[in-house]
Amino acid sequence: MVSRVDNKIRKKRKKWPFIVGGIILFFVLVIGGGAFFVWSQVGKVVESMHNPLERDNDPGRKDEINRLYNDSDAVNILLLGVDERDGDAGRSDTMILLSLNPKTDSMVMLSIPRDTYVNIPGRGMDKINHAYAFGGTQLSVETVEQAFDLPVHSYIRVNMEGFEQGIDALGGVTVQNSTAFSQDGHEFNEGNVNLNGEEALSYIRMRKQDSRGDMGRNERQRDVIVAAMDEAASFSSITKASNILDILGNNVQTDLDMKRLQTLFKDYSGTRKNVETLEISGDGQTINGVWYYIVPEEEINHINSTITEHMEQK
């Protein structure tokens, strides 16, 4: 199912919601285009975040990716929100594929349900979020590429820390809430609501009171990112920039280096103005006592054709 989003918003604690926060913070600095973006402050943070994958050692691939960014062609970026604990490799509880096309100033945002039943290279059929536990970021990227037959040009991996701090660093957010509900002791009325970091975490966490379950939660994740980018575009506090940079450095890893980040900031920031969200249609099914989200082949083809068409638009 495909729906258009212009400037919708939403936001909020526990487990995976921290993940979205790190993603937000990254785009605050890159795609949001805030006036506070000071490259001299960013250099050390980018160095600490930079974590290329094994495949990035291939000179041919490196040249191709550089060409895409240098020519301002469409690129696909996989956002991974990872729940890691002591003694546990962790799982990617949030997976969002962003396709950015600066030639049309448009973005496609695909939320991938964590229970999606796919073939994980070298491991067989399993839930897509298990790819991270089996092989980290590298295998997660490979799994998404194979499952949807789409290239992933870059990745951003975020741990569970930082969301609350990030929202507070921005001075909070205002969201449009379509359904009144309560969560973690907080009441959320219909209409515009102002949220601090703690409230925003609870807002995103809600699932059981949503008739769409994980799909509704995924929508709130996407809306949060769009909202944060809009907030960042008007964010002008230089004094708060160093705090946000510290949060970023402690919570984000990416294969994007300084040059590519500068290119994203310069040539791709306009893509936030026109966001199309994609949801994956499927059905729940229990296999050998385990619940999976089964996506039919025609839906996979639909996702592939939609994003491929978006990438090819001039």
Protein backbone atom coordinates (compact mmCIF):
# COMPACT_ATOMS: atom_id res chain seq x y z
CA MET A 1 0.00 0.00 0.00
CA VAL A 2 1.36 3.43 -0.92
CA SER A 3 0.43 6.73 0.69
CA ARG A 4 1.69 10.29 0.16
CA VAL A 5 3.17 12.25 3.04
CA ASP A 6 4.07 15.93 2.85
CA ASN A 7 4.71 17.34 6.28
CA LYS A 8 3.07 14.92 8.69
CA ILE A 9 4.56 14.36 12.13
CA ARG A 10 4.56 12.14 15.24
CA LYS A 11 6.70 10.84 18.22
CA LYS A 12 8.41 8.55 21.96
CA ARG A 13 10.59 4.71 25.50
CA LYS A 14 11.70 1.36 25.69
CA LYS A 15 13.57 -0.99 23.48
CA TRP A 16 13.49 -0.04 19.77
CA PRO A 17 12.24 3.56 20.05
CA PHE A 18 15.74 4.69 21.04
CA ILE A 19 16.79 3.46 17.62
CA VAL A 20 14.63 5.91 15.75
CA GLY A 21 16.17 8.68 17.81
CA GLY A 22 19.65 8.05 16.50
CA ILE A 23 18.33 7.97 12.95
CA ILE A 24 16.59 11.27 13.59
CA LEU A 25 19.76 12.80 14.96
CA PHE A 26 21.72 11.72 11.91
CA PHE A 27 19.27 13.34 9.54
CA VAL A 28 19.10 16.42 11.72
CA LEU A 29 22.65 17.06 10.59
CA VAL A 30 22.56 15.73 7.05
CA ILE A 31 19.17 15.83 5.35
CA GLY A 32 17.40 18.26 7.66
CA GLY A 33 19.74 21.03 6.62
CA GLY A 34 19.74 22.97 9.87
CA ALA A 35 21.58 26.29 9.80
CA PHE A 36 23.73 25.18 12.73
CA PHE A 37 25.56 22.57 10.67
CA VAL A 38 29.23 23.42 11.24
CA TRP A 39 31.64 21.17 9.38
CA SER A 40 34.58 22.01 11.60
CA GLN A 41 32.69 20.48 14.53
CA VAL A 42 31.54 17.46 12.56
CA GLY A 43 34.90 16.09 11.44
CA LYS A 44 35.79 14.17 14.60
CA VAL A 45 32.24 12.93 15.04
CA VAL A 46 32.13 11.61 11.47
CA GLU A 47 35.46 9.88 12.04
CA SER A 48 34.07 8.10 15.11
CA MET A 49 30.87 7.12 13.27
CA HIS A 50 32.60 5.94 10.08
CA ASN A 51 32.57 2.15 9.85
CA PRO A 52 32.88 0.83 6.27
CA LEU A 53 31.77 -2.68 5.44
CA GLU A 54 34.03 -5.38 4.04
CA ARG A 55 32.55 -4.88 0.60
CA ASP A 56 33.67 -1.24 0.64
CA ASN A 57 37.24 -2.47 0.15
CA ASP A 58 36.38 -3.33 -3.46
CA PRO A 59 37.87 -0.50 -5.60
CA GLY A 60 35.21 -1.01 -8.29
CA ARG A 61 32.37 -0.63 -5.82
CA LYS A 62 34.00 2.37 -4.19
CA ASP A 63 34.34 4.11 -7.57
CA GLU A 64 30.70 3.37 -8.44
CA ILE A 65 29.36 4.72 -5.16
CA ASN A 66 31.52 7.83 -5.45
CA ARG A 67 30.18 8.35 -8.97
CA LEU A 68 26.58 8.16 -7.77
CA TYR A 69 27.14 10.81 -5.11
CA ASN A 70 29.30 13.01 -7.34
CA ASP A 71 26.67 12.96 -10.11
CA SER A 72 23.84 13.48 -7.58
CA ASP A 73 22.12 10.30 -8.73
CA ALA A 74 19.50 8.52 -6.65
CA VAL A 75 20.91 6.53 -3.72
CA ASN A 76 19.36 4.03 -1.32
CA ILE A 77 20.29 4.19 2.36
CA LEU A 78 19.36 1.45 4.83
CA LEU A 79 18.57 2.64 8.34
CA LEU A 80 19.16 -0.06 10.94
CA GLY A 81 17.97 0.37 14.51
CA VAL A 82 19.71 -2.24 16.63
CA ASP A 83 18.78 -3.56 20.06
CA GLU A 84 22.08 -4.76 21.54
CA ARG A 85 22.57 -6.10 25.05
CA ASP A 86 25.49 -7.58 26.99
CA GLY A 87 26.19 -11.09 25.78
CA ASP A 88 23.73 -10.74 22.88
CA ALA A 89 24.62 -9.96 19.26
CA GLY A 90 21.37 -8.01 18.99
CA ARG A 91 18.68 -7.73 16.35
CA SER A 92 17.66 -4.97 13.99
CA ASP A 93 14.27 -4.05 15.42
CA THR A 94 13.89 -1.17 12.97
CA MET A 95 14.68 -1.39 9.25
CA ILE A 96 13.83 1.49 6.93
CA LEU A 97 15.07 1.77 3.35
CA LEU A 98 15.32 5.36 2.14
CA SER A 99 15.58 6.10 -1.57
CA LEU A 100 16.74 9.68 -2.17
CA ASN A 101 16.46 11.25 -5.64
CA PRO A 102 17.86 14.79 -5.74
CA LYS A 103 16.93 15.24 -9.40
CA THR A 104 13.23 15.15 -8.46
CA ASP A 105 13.73 16.34 -4.86
CA SER A 106 11.82 13.31 -3.62
CA MET A 107 12.24 10.51 -1.12
CA VAL A 108 10.67 7.06 -0.85
CA MET A 109 10.61 5.60 2.66
CA LEU A 110 10.03 1.84 2.97
CA SER A 111 9.43 0.35 6.42
CA ILE A 112 10.37 -3.34 6.56
CA PRO A 113 8.46 -5.31 9.23
CA ARG A 114 10.97 -7.05 11.50
CA ASP A 115 9.16 -10.41 11.24
CA THR A 116 9.23 -10.47 7.41
CA TYR A 117 9.98 -14.02 6.23
CA VAL A 118 12.94 -13.89 3.82
CA ASN A 119 15.96 -15.87 2.76
CA ILE A 120 19.01 -14.78 4.76
CA PRO A 121 22.12 -15.57 2.67
CA GLY A 122 23.94 -18.55 4.14
CA ARG A 123 21.27 -19.10 6.81
CA GLY A 124 18.04 -19.91 4.97
CA MET A 125 14.49 -18.69 5.56
CA ASP A 126 14.02 -16.67 8.75
CA LYS A 127 12.81 -13.34 10.12
CA ILE A 128 14.63 -10.48 8.43
CA ASN A 129 15.67 -8.90 11.72
CA HIS A 130 17.65 -12.04 12.59
CA ALA A 131 20.13 -11.21 9.83
CA TYR A 132 21.86 -8.77 12.15
CA ALA A 133 22.24 -11.39 14.88
CA PHE A 134 23.76 -13.81 12.37
CA GLY A 135 26.09 -11.45 10.53
CA GLY A 136 25.81 -7.86 11.67
CA THR A 137 25.32 -4.92 9.37
CA GLN A 138 26.96 -6.62 6.40
CA LEU A 139 24.47 -9.51 6.38
CA SER A 140 21.53 -7.18 7.04
CA VAL A 141 22.44 -5.14 3.97
CA GLU A 142 22.90 -8.27 1.85
CA THR A 143 19.57 -9.67 3.02
CA VAL A 144 17.63 -6.50 2.14
CA GLU A 145 19.32 -6.30 -1.26
CA GLN A 146 18.47 -9.92 -2.05
CA ALA A 147 14.94 -9.85 -0.64
CA PHE A 148 13.85 -6.84 -2.71
CA ASP A 149 16.37 -7.06 -5.56
CA LEU A 150 17.41 -3.47 -4.90
CA PRO A 151 20.85 -1.95 -4.29
CA VAL A 152 21.76 -0.55 -0.88
CA HIS A 153 24.40 2.11 -1.46
CA SER A 154 24.95 3.19 2.14
CA TYR A 155 23.83 2.29 5.63
CA ILE A 156 23.26 3.99 8.98
CA ARG A 157 23.24 1.79 12.11
CA VAL A 158 21.88 3.21 15.33
CA ASN A 159 21.91 1.71 18.81
CA MET A 160 19.17 2.16 21.41
CA GLU A 161 20.59 5.23 23.09
CA GLY A 162 20.00 8.84 22.31
CA PHE A 163 16.41 9.34 21.24
CA GLU A 164 15.16 11.07 24.35
CA GLN A 165 18.27 13.24 24.57
CA GLY A 166 18.04 14.13 20.90
CA ILE A 167 14.42 15.28 21.01
CA ASP A 168 15.14 17.33 24.12
CA ALA A 169 18.21 18.84 22.42
CA LEU A 170 15.95 20.05 19.61
CA GLY A 171 13.62 21.62 22.17
CA GLY A 172 10.91 18.99 21.69
CA VAL A 173 8.60 18.32 18.75
CA THR A 174 5.02 19.02 17.77
CA VAL A 175 3.06 16.15 16.24
CA GLN A 176 -0.37 15.61 14.72
CA ASN A 177 -2.06 12.77 16.58
CA SER A 178 -5.02 11.13 14.85
CA THR A 179 -6.17 8.89 17.72
CA ALA A 180 -6.31 9.66 21.45
CA PHE A 181 -4.53 7.06 23.62
CA SER A 182 -2.50 6.63 26.79
CA GLN A 183 0.93 5.02 27.11
CA ASP A 184 3.44 4.71 29.95
CA GLY A 185 1.42 7.11 32.11
CA HIS A 186 1.17 9.76 29.39
CA GLU A 187 -2.08 10.92 27.77
CA PHE A 188 -2.08 11.82 24.08
CA ASN A 189 -5.10 13.72 22.79
CA GLU A 190 -6.16 14.06 19.19
CA GLY A 191 -4.72 16.97 17.26
CA ASN A 192 -1.44 18.82 17.69
CA VAL A 193 0.53 17.80 20.77
CA ASN A 194 3.90 19.05 22.00
CA LEU A 195 6.26 16.29 23.14
CA ASN A 196 9.52 16.26 25.01
CA GLY A 197 11.94 13.35 24.66
CA GLU A 198 10.34 11.07 27.22
CA GLU A 199 6.84 11.71 25.88
CA ALA A 200 8.00 11.18 22.32
CA LEU A 201 9.39 7.75 23.19
CA SER A 202 6.06 6.65 24.64
CA TYR A 203 4.21 8.02 21.63
CA ILE A 204 6.20 5.89 19.19
CA ARG A 205 6.14 2.84 21.43
CA MET A 206 2.38 2.41 21.32
CA ARG A 207 1.24 -0.62 19.34
CA LYS A 208 -1.46 -2.60 21.16
CA GLN A 209 -4.02 0.22 21.04
CA ASP A 210 -3.41 0.64 17.31
CA SER A 211 -5.75 -1.46 15.17
CA ARG A 212 -2.92 -1.82 12.64
CA GLY A 213 -0.41 -3.15 15.18
CA ASP A 214 3.16 -3.06 13.89
CA MET A 215 2.03 -1.32 10.70
CA GLY A 216 0.71 1.59 12.72
CA ARG A 217 3.91 1.69 14.73
CA ASN A 218 5.96 1.63 11.53
CA GLU A 219 3.97 4.59 10.26
CA ARG A 220 4.76 6.51 13.41
CA GLN A 221 8.44 5.70 12.94
CA ARG A 222 8.37 7.16 9.44
CA ASP A 223 6.41 10.19 10.56
CA VAL A 224 8.91 10.79 13.34
CA ILE A 225 11.78 10.97 10.85
CA VAL A 226 9.90 13.36 8.57
CA ALA A 227 8.95 15.51 11.55
CA ALA A 228 12.50 15.64 12.88
CA MET A 229 13.84 16.66 9.49
CA ASP A 230 11.31 19.48 9.33
CA GLU A 231 12.25 20.53 12.84
CA ALA A 232 15.94 20.42 11.96
CA ALA A 233 15.40 22.61 8.90
CA SER A 234 14.38 25.47 11.18
CA PHE A 235 16.84 24.63 13.94
CA SER A 236 19.40 27.41 14.36
CA SER A 237 20.95 27.04 17.81
CA ILE A 238 24.72 26.83 17.45
CA THR A 239 25.02 26.41 21.20
CA LYS A 240 23.08 23.13 21.09
CA ALA A 241 24.99 21.74 18.09
CA SER A 242 27.88 20.28 20.10
CA ASN A 243 25.43 18.43 22.37
CA ILE A 244 23.69 16.88 19.39
CA LEU A 245 27.04 15.96 17.85
CA ASP A 246 28.05 14.19 21.06
CA ILE A 247 24.83 12.18 21.01
CA LEU A 248 25.44 11.27 17.37
CA GLY A 249 29.00 10.16 17.97
CA ASN A 250 27.92 7.83 20.76
CA ASN A 251 24.99 6.24 18.92
CA VAL A 252 25.56 6.05 15.16
CA GLN A 253 27.74 4.05 12.77
CA THR A 254 27.74 4.48 8.99
CA ASP A 255 29.82 3.79 5.89
CA LEU A 256 29.26 7.41 4.82
CA ASP A 257 32.51 9.35 5.00
CA MET A 258 32.92 13.11 5.28
CA LYS A 259 32.89 13.74 1.54
CA ARG A 260 29.67 11.81 1.00
CA LEU A 261 28.05 13.48 3.99
CA GLN A 262 28.90 16.87 2.56
CA THR A 263 27.41 15.83 -0.77
CA LEU A 264 24.24 14.64 0.94
CA PHE A 265 23.94 17.91 2.79
CA LYS A 266 24.54 19.99 -0.34
CA ASP A 267 22.64 18.05 -3.01
CA TYR A 268 20.13 15.76 -1.27
CA SER A 269 18.56 17.91 1.46
CA GLY A 270 15.67 18.90 -0.81
CA THR A 271 14.41 15.31 -0.94
CA ARG A 272 12.75 15.73 2.46
CA LYS A 273 10.21 18.10 0.89
CA ASN A 274 8.43 15.33 -1.01
CA VAL A 275 8.20 12.03 0.88
CA GLU A 276 6.34 8.94 -0.33
CA THR A 277 5.90 6.17 2.21
CA LEU A 278 5.61 2.50 1.33
CA GLU A 279 4.10 -0.25 3.44
CA ILE A 280 4.62 -3.92 2.74
CA SER A 281 1.36 -5.83 2.43
CA GLY A 282 1.38 -9.39 3.72
CA ASP A 283 -0.20 -11.81 6.19
CA GLY A 284 0.86 -13.38 9.47
CA GLN A 285 1.49 -17.11 9.46
CA THR A 286 2.80 -19.57 12.03
CA ILE A 287 5.48 -21.96 10.77
CA ASN A 288 6.84 -24.62 13.13
CA GLY A 289 5.43 -22.71 16.06
CA VAL A 290 6.99 -19.36 15.04
CA TRP A 291 5.02 -16.37 13.77
CA TYR A 292 6.24 -14.77 10.53
CA TYR A 293 5.08 -11.98 8.24
CA ILE A 294 4.62 -13.56 4.81
CA VAL A 295 4.94 -11.22 1.83
CA PRO A 296 3.65 -12.51 -1.54
CA GLU A 297 5.90 -12.36 -4.60
CA GLU A 298 3.68 -9.83 -6.34
CA GLU A 299 4.10 -7.44 -3.41
CA ILE A 300 7.89 -7.82 -3.57
CA ASN A 301 7.71 -7.02 -7.28
CA HIS A 302 5.55 -3.98 -6.55
CA ILE A 303 8.05 -2.65 -4.01
CA ASN A 304 10.92 -3.24 -6.43
CA SER A 305 9.22 -1.50 -9.35
CA THR A 306 8.11 1.47 -7.24
CA ILE A 307 11.58 2.18 -5.87
CA THR A 308 13.32 1.44 -9.18
CA GLU A 309 11.00 3.87 -10.97
CA HIS A 310 11.68 6.48 -8.32
CA MET A 311 15.44 6.06 -8.73
CA GLU A 312 15.25 6.42 -12.51
CA GLN A 313 13.19 9.61 -12.56
CA LYS A 314 14.97 12.70 -13.87
